[in-house]
N, C-alpha and C. Protein backbone atom coordinates (compact mmCIF):
# COMPACT_ATOMS: atom_id res chain seq x y z
N MET A 1 -36.41 -110.59 -41.58
CA MET A 1 -35.02 -110.27 -41.79
C MET A 1 -34.75 -108.78 -41.56
N ALA A 2 -35.70 -107.96 -41.95
CA ALA A 2 -35.53 -106.52 -41.78
C ALA A 2 -35.41 -106.17 -40.31
N ALA A 3 -36.20 -106.80 -39.46
CA ALA A 3 -36.13 -106.53 -38.03
C ALA A 3 -34.78 -106.95 -37.47
N ARG A 4 -34.25 -108.07 -37.93
CA ARG A 4 -32.94 -108.54 -37.47
C ARG A 4 -31.84 -107.56 -37.89
N ALA A 5 -31.92 -107.08 -39.13
CA ALA A 5 -30.93 -106.12 -39.64
C ALA A 5 -31.00 -104.81 -38.86
N THR A 6 -32.21 -104.37 -38.55
CA THR A 6 -32.38 -103.14 -37.77
C THR A 6 -31.80 -103.32 -36.37
N GLY A 7 -32.05 -104.45 -35.76
CA GLY A 7 -31.51 -104.74 -34.43
C GLY A 7 -30.00 -104.77 -34.43
N ALA A 8 -29.40 -105.39 -35.44
CA ALA A 8 -27.94 -105.45 -35.54
C ALA A 8 -27.36 -104.06 -35.75
N SER A 9 -28.03 -103.25 -36.54
CA SER A 9 -27.56 -101.89 -36.79
C SER A 9 -27.62 -101.06 -35.51
N THR A 10 -28.70 -101.22 -34.75
CA THR A 10 -28.82 -100.51 -33.47
C THR A 10 -27.72 -100.95 -32.52
N ASN A 11 -27.46 -102.25 -32.45
CA ASN A 11 -26.38 -102.76 -31.60
C ASN A 11 -25.04 -102.17 -32.00
N ASP A 12 -24.78 -102.08 -33.31
CA ASP A 12 -23.52 -101.51 -33.79
C ASP A 12 -23.37 -100.06 -33.33
N THR A 13 -24.44 -99.30 -33.41
CA THR A 13 -24.40 -97.89 -33.02
C THR A 13 -24.16 -97.75 -31.52
N VAL A 14 -24.89 -98.49 -30.72
CA VAL A 14 -24.73 -98.43 -29.26
C VAL A 14 -23.34 -98.91 -28.87
N LEU A 15 -22.89 -99.99 -29.46
CA LEU A 15 -21.58 -100.55 -29.18
C LEU A 15 -20.48 -99.52 -29.45
N THR A 16 -20.57 -98.83 -30.58
CA THR A 16 -19.58 -97.81 -30.94
C THR A 16 -19.60 -96.64 -29.96
N LEU A 17 -20.79 -96.19 -29.59
CA LEU A 17 -20.90 -95.07 -28.64
C LEU A 17 -20.35 -95.45 -27.27
N LEU A 18 -20.63 -96.67 -26.83
CA LEU A 18 -20.10 -97.11 -25.54
C LEU A 18 -18.58 -97.24 -25.58
N ALA A 19 -18.05 -97.69 -26.70
CA ALA A 19 -16.60 -97.79 -26.85
C ALA A 19 -15.97 -96.40 -26.80
N GLN A 20 -16.56 -95.44 -27.48
CA GLN A 20 -16.04 -94.07 -27.44
C GLN A 20 -16.05 -93.52 -26.02
N GLU A 21 -17.11 -93.80 -25.29
CA GLU A 21 -17.22 -93.35 -23.90
C GLU A 21 -16.12 -93.95 -23.04
N LYS A 22 -15.92 -95.26 -23.16
CA LYS A 22 -14.92 -95.95 -22.35
C LYS A 22 -13.51 -95.48 -22.72
N LEU A 23 -13.22 -95.31 -24.01
CA LEU A 23 -11.90 -94.85 -24.44
C LEU A 23 -11.64 -93.41 -23.96
N ALA A 24 -12.66 -92.57 -23.96
CA ALA A 24 -12.51 -91.20 -23.45
C ALA A 24 -12.19 -91.21 -21.96
N GLU A 25 -12.85 -92.07 -21.20
CA GLU A 25 -12.56 -92.20 -19.76
C GLU A 25 -11.10 -92.58 -19.54
N ILE A 26 -10.62 -93.53 -20.34
CA ILE A 26 -9.25 -94.01 -20.21
C ILE A 26 -8.26 -92.89 -20.54
N GLN A 27 -8.53 -92.15 -21.60
CA GLN A 27 -7.61 -91.08 -21.99
C GLN A 27 -7.56 -89.98 -20.94
N LEU A 28 -8.68 -89.71 -20.28
CA LEU A 28 -8.69 -88.71 -19.22
C LEU A 28 -7.83 -89.10 -18.02
N LEU A 29 -7.69 -90.40 -17.79
CA LEU A 29 -6.87 -90.86 -16.67
C LEU A 29 -5.39 -90.57 -16.90
N GLY A 30 -4.93 -90.70 -18.13
CA GLY A 30 -3.51 -90.51 -18.42
C GLY A 30 -2.71 -91.74 -18.07
N PRO A 31 -1.51 -91.88 -18.62
CA PRO A 31 -0.72 -93.10 -18.44
C PRO A 31 -0.28 -93.35 -17.00
N GLU A 32 -0.07 -92.29 -16.24
CA GLU A 32 0.41 -92.48 -14.86
C GLU A 32 -0.64 -93.09 -13.95
N ARG A 33 -1.91 -93.02 -14.30
CA ARG A 33 -2.99 -93.57 -13.47
C ARG A 33 -3.52 -94.90 -13.99
N LEU A 34 -2.90 -95.42 -15.05
CA LEU A 34 -3.31 -96.71 -15.59
C LEU A 34 -2.32 -97.78 -15.13
N ALA A 35 -2.79 -98.71 -14.34
CA ALA A 35 -1.93 -99.80 -13.88
C ALA A 35 -2.06 -100.97 -14.85
N GLU A 36 -0.95 -101.69 -15.04
CA GLU A 36 -0.98 -102.86 -15.91
C GLU A 36 -1.90 -103.91 -15.29
N ARG A 37 -2.99 -104.20 -15.98
CA ARG A 37 -3.96 -105.16 -15.43
C ARG A 37 -5.08 -105.42 -16.43
N GLU A 38 -5.94 -106.35 -16.05
CA GLU A 38 -7.16 -106.64 -16.79
C GLU A 38 -8.34 -106.34 -15.88
N THR A 39 -9.32 -105.62 -16.40
CA THR A 39 -10.53 -105.33 -15.63
C THR A 39 -11.74 -105.53 -16.54
N ALA A 40 -12.90 -105.60 -15.92
CA ALA A 40 -14.14 -105.78 -16.67
C ALA A 40 -15.29 -105.16 -15.90
N GLY A 41 -16.35 -104.87 -16.60
CA GLY A 41 -17.53 -104.32 -15.96
C GLY A 41 -18.69 -104.26 -16.93
N ASP A 42 -19.73 -103.56 -16.50
CA ASP A 42 -20.89 -103.38 -17.39
C ASP A 42 -21.22 -101.89 -17.44
N PHE A 43 -22.23 -101.57 -18.20
CA PHE A 43 -22.62 -100.17 -18.36
C PHE A 43 -23.87 -99.82 -17.56
N GLY A 44 -24.20 -100.66 -16.58
CA GLY A 44 -25.31 -100.38 -15.69
C GLY A 44 -26.67 -100.67 -16.31
N PRO A 45 -27.72 -100.34 -15.57
CA PRO A 45 -29.08 -100.67 -16.02
C PRO A 45 -29.51 -99.91 -17.27
N GLN A 46 -28.82 -98.83 -17.58
CA GLN A 46 -29.18 -98.06 -18.77
C GLN A 46 -28.87 -98.85 -20.05
N TYR A 47 -27.87 -99.73 -19.99
CA TYR A 47 -27.48 -100.53 -21.16
C TYR A 47 -27.39 -102.01 -20.77
N PRO A 48 -28.52 -102.64 -20.49
CA PRO A 48 -28.48 -104.05 -20.12
C PRO A 48 -27.97 -104.90 -21.30
N GLY A 49 -27.18 -105.88 -20.98
CA GLY A 49 -26.65 -106.77 -22.01
C GLY A 49 -25.34 -106.29 -22.62
N TYR A 50 -24.88 -105.10 -22.23
CA TYR A 50 -23.61 -104.58 -22.72
C TYR A 50 -22.58 -104.59 -21.59
N GLY A 51 -21.37 -104.97 -21.92
CA GLY A 51 -20.29 -104.97 -20.93
C GLY A 51 -18.99 -104.55 -21.58
N TRP A 52 -17.93 -104.52 -20.78
CA TRP A 52 -16.62 -104.15 -21.30
C TRP A 52 -15.53 -104.94 -20.58
N LYS A 53 -14.43 -105.11 -21.28
CA LYS A 53 -13.20 -105.68 -20.73
C LYS A 53 -12.08 -104.75 -21.16
N MET A 54 -11.10 -104.56 -20.28
CA MET A 54 -9.97 -103.69 -20.60
C MET A 54 -8.67 -104.37 -20.22
N VAL A 55 -7.70 -104.30 -21.12
CA VAL A 55 -6.36 -104.81 -20.86
C VAL A 55 -5.40 -103.64 -21.01
N VAL A 56 -4.68 -103.33 -19.93
CA VAL A 56 -3.69 -102.25 -19.94
C VAL A 56 -2.32 -102.91 -19.95
N HIS A 57 -1.49 -102.52 -20.91
CA HIS A 57 -0.15 -103.09 -21.04
C HIS A 57 0.87 -102.19 -20.36
N GLU A 58 2.02 -102.75 -20.08
CA GLU A 58 3.12 -102.01 -19.46
C GLU A 58 3.58 -100.89 -20.39
N PRO A 59 3.92 -99.73 -19.84
CA PRO A 59 4.42 -98.63 -20.68
C PRO A 59 5.68 -99.05 -21.44
N ASP A 60 5.79 -98.57 -22.67
CA ASP A 60 7.00 -98.88 -23.44
C ASP A 60 8.11 -97.90 -23.06
N ASP A 61 9.21 -97.95 -23.78
CA ASP A 61 10.37 -97.11 -23.44
C ASP A 61 10.11 -95.62 -23.64
N ARG A 62 9.02 -95.25 -24.31
CA ARG A 62 8.64 -93.83 -24.48
C ARG A 62 7.50 -93.45 -23.54
N ASN A 63 7.16 -94.35 -22.60
CA ASN A 63 6.08 -94.17 -21.64
C ASN A 63 4.70 -94.15 -22.29
N VAL A 64 4.58 -94.83 -23.42
CA VAL A 64 3.29 -94.97 -24.09
C VAL A 64 2.65 -96.26 -23.59
N VAL A 65 1.40 -96.14 -23.15
CA VAL A 65 0.66 -97.29 -22.62
C VAL A 65 -0.36 -97.73 -23.67
N ARG A 66 -0.26 -98.99 -24.07
CA ARG A 66 -1.22 -99.55 -25.02
C ARG A 66 -2.41 -100.12 -24.24
N VAL A 67 -3.60 -99.77 -24.67
CA VAL A 67 -4.82 -100.21 -23.98
C VAL A 67 -5.75 -100.87 -25.00
N GLU A 68 -6.27 -102.03 -24.62
CA GLU A 68 -7.23 -102.76 -25.45
C GLU A 68 -8.56 -102.79 -24.70
N VAL A 69 -9.63 -102.44 -25.39
CA VAL A 69 -10.97 -102.44 -24.78
C VAL A 69 -11.90 -103.28 -25.66
N ALA A 70 -12.58 -104.22 -25.03
CA ALA A 70 -13.59 -105.02 -25.72
C ALA A 70 -14.95 -104.60 -25.20
N ILE A 71 -15.86 -104.34 -26.11
CA ILE A 71 -17.25 -104.08 -25.75
C ILE A 71 -18.03 -105.33 -26.13
N THR A 72 -18.79 -105.86 -25.18
CA THR A 72 -19.58 -107.05 -25.44
C THR A 72 -21.06 -106.69 -25.48
N ALA A 73 -21.78 -107.40 -26.32
CA ALA A 73 -23.22 -107.16 -26.45
C ALA A 73 -23.92 -108.48 -26.70
N LEU A 74 -25.08 -108.63 -26.08
CA LEU A 74 -25.91 -109.79 -26.38
C LEU A 74 -26.65 -109.52 -27.68
N GLU A 75 -26.51 -110.43 -28.62
CA GLU A 75 -27.13 -110.25 -29.93
C GLU A 75 -27.63 -111.61 -30.41
N ALA A 76 -28.93 -111.70 -30.60
CA ALA A 76 -29.56 -112.94 -31.08
C ALA A 76 -29.18 -114.14 -30.21
N GLY A 77 -29.16 -113.92 -28.90
CA GLY A 77 -28.89 -115.00 -27.96
C GLY A 77 -27.42 -115.35 -27.80
N ARG A 78 -26.53 -114.63 -28.47
CA ARG A 78 -25.09 -114.88 -28.37
C ARG A 78 -24.39 -113.61 -27.92
N THR A 79 -23.21 -113.80 -27.34
CA THR A 79 -22.41 -112.65 -26.93
C THR A 79 -21.48 -112.27 -28.07
N ARG A 80 -21.55 -111.04 -28.47
CA ARG A 80 -20.68 -110.49 -29.52
C ARG A 80 -19.63 -109.62 -28.85
N GLU A 81 -18.39 -109.75 -29.27
CA GLU A 81 -17.29 -109.01 -28.67
C GLU A 81 -16.55 -108.24 -29.76
N THR A 82 -16.39 -106.94 -29.58
CA THR A 82 -15.68 -106.09 -30.53
C THR A 82 -14.57 -105.37 -29.80
N TRP A 83 -13.34 -105.47 -30.35
CA TRP A 83 -12.17 -104.88 -29.70
C TRP A 83 -11.81 -103.53 -30.29
N PHE A 84 -11.36 -102.64 -29.42
CA PHE A 84 -10.89 -101.31 -29.78
C PHE A 84 -9.53 -101.11 -29.13
N TYR A 85 -8.66 -100.35 -29.77
CA TYR A 85 -7.30 -100.17 -29.27
C TYR A 85 -6.96 -98.68 -29.24
N THR A 86 -6.17 -98.31 -28.23
CA THR A 86 -5.68 -96.93 -28.16
C THR A 86 -4.32 -96.93 -27.48
N ALA A 87 -3.64 -95.83 -27.60
CA ALA A 87 -2.36 -95.62 -26.93
C ALA A 87 -2.46 -94.33 -26.13
N ILE A 88 -2.03 -94.38 -24.89
CA ILE A 88 -2.08 -93.23 -24.00
C ILE A 88 -0.64 -92.78 -23.74
N PHE A 89 -0.40 -91.49 -23.93
CA PHE A 89 0.96 -90.97 -23.69
C PHE A 89 0.89 -89.62 -23.02
């Protein structure tokens, strides 16, 4: 059980760091370079088993773009998905 808990804790840490990286990339783009769409990808060979999905919503009346990012991770033979949200203005 200790090994399983350690593995889950490591996954949580990596998942959070990857989410921060992806959200920082999105914020650097700014709202004018974010098109309303859904995209997905992975984090390359450095992070096998981890992926991401992004949903960009239409800008609101204040030109604020809501963005949803899911980070996926293989954990104990199942895919775990954790969502993060941000607003770009």
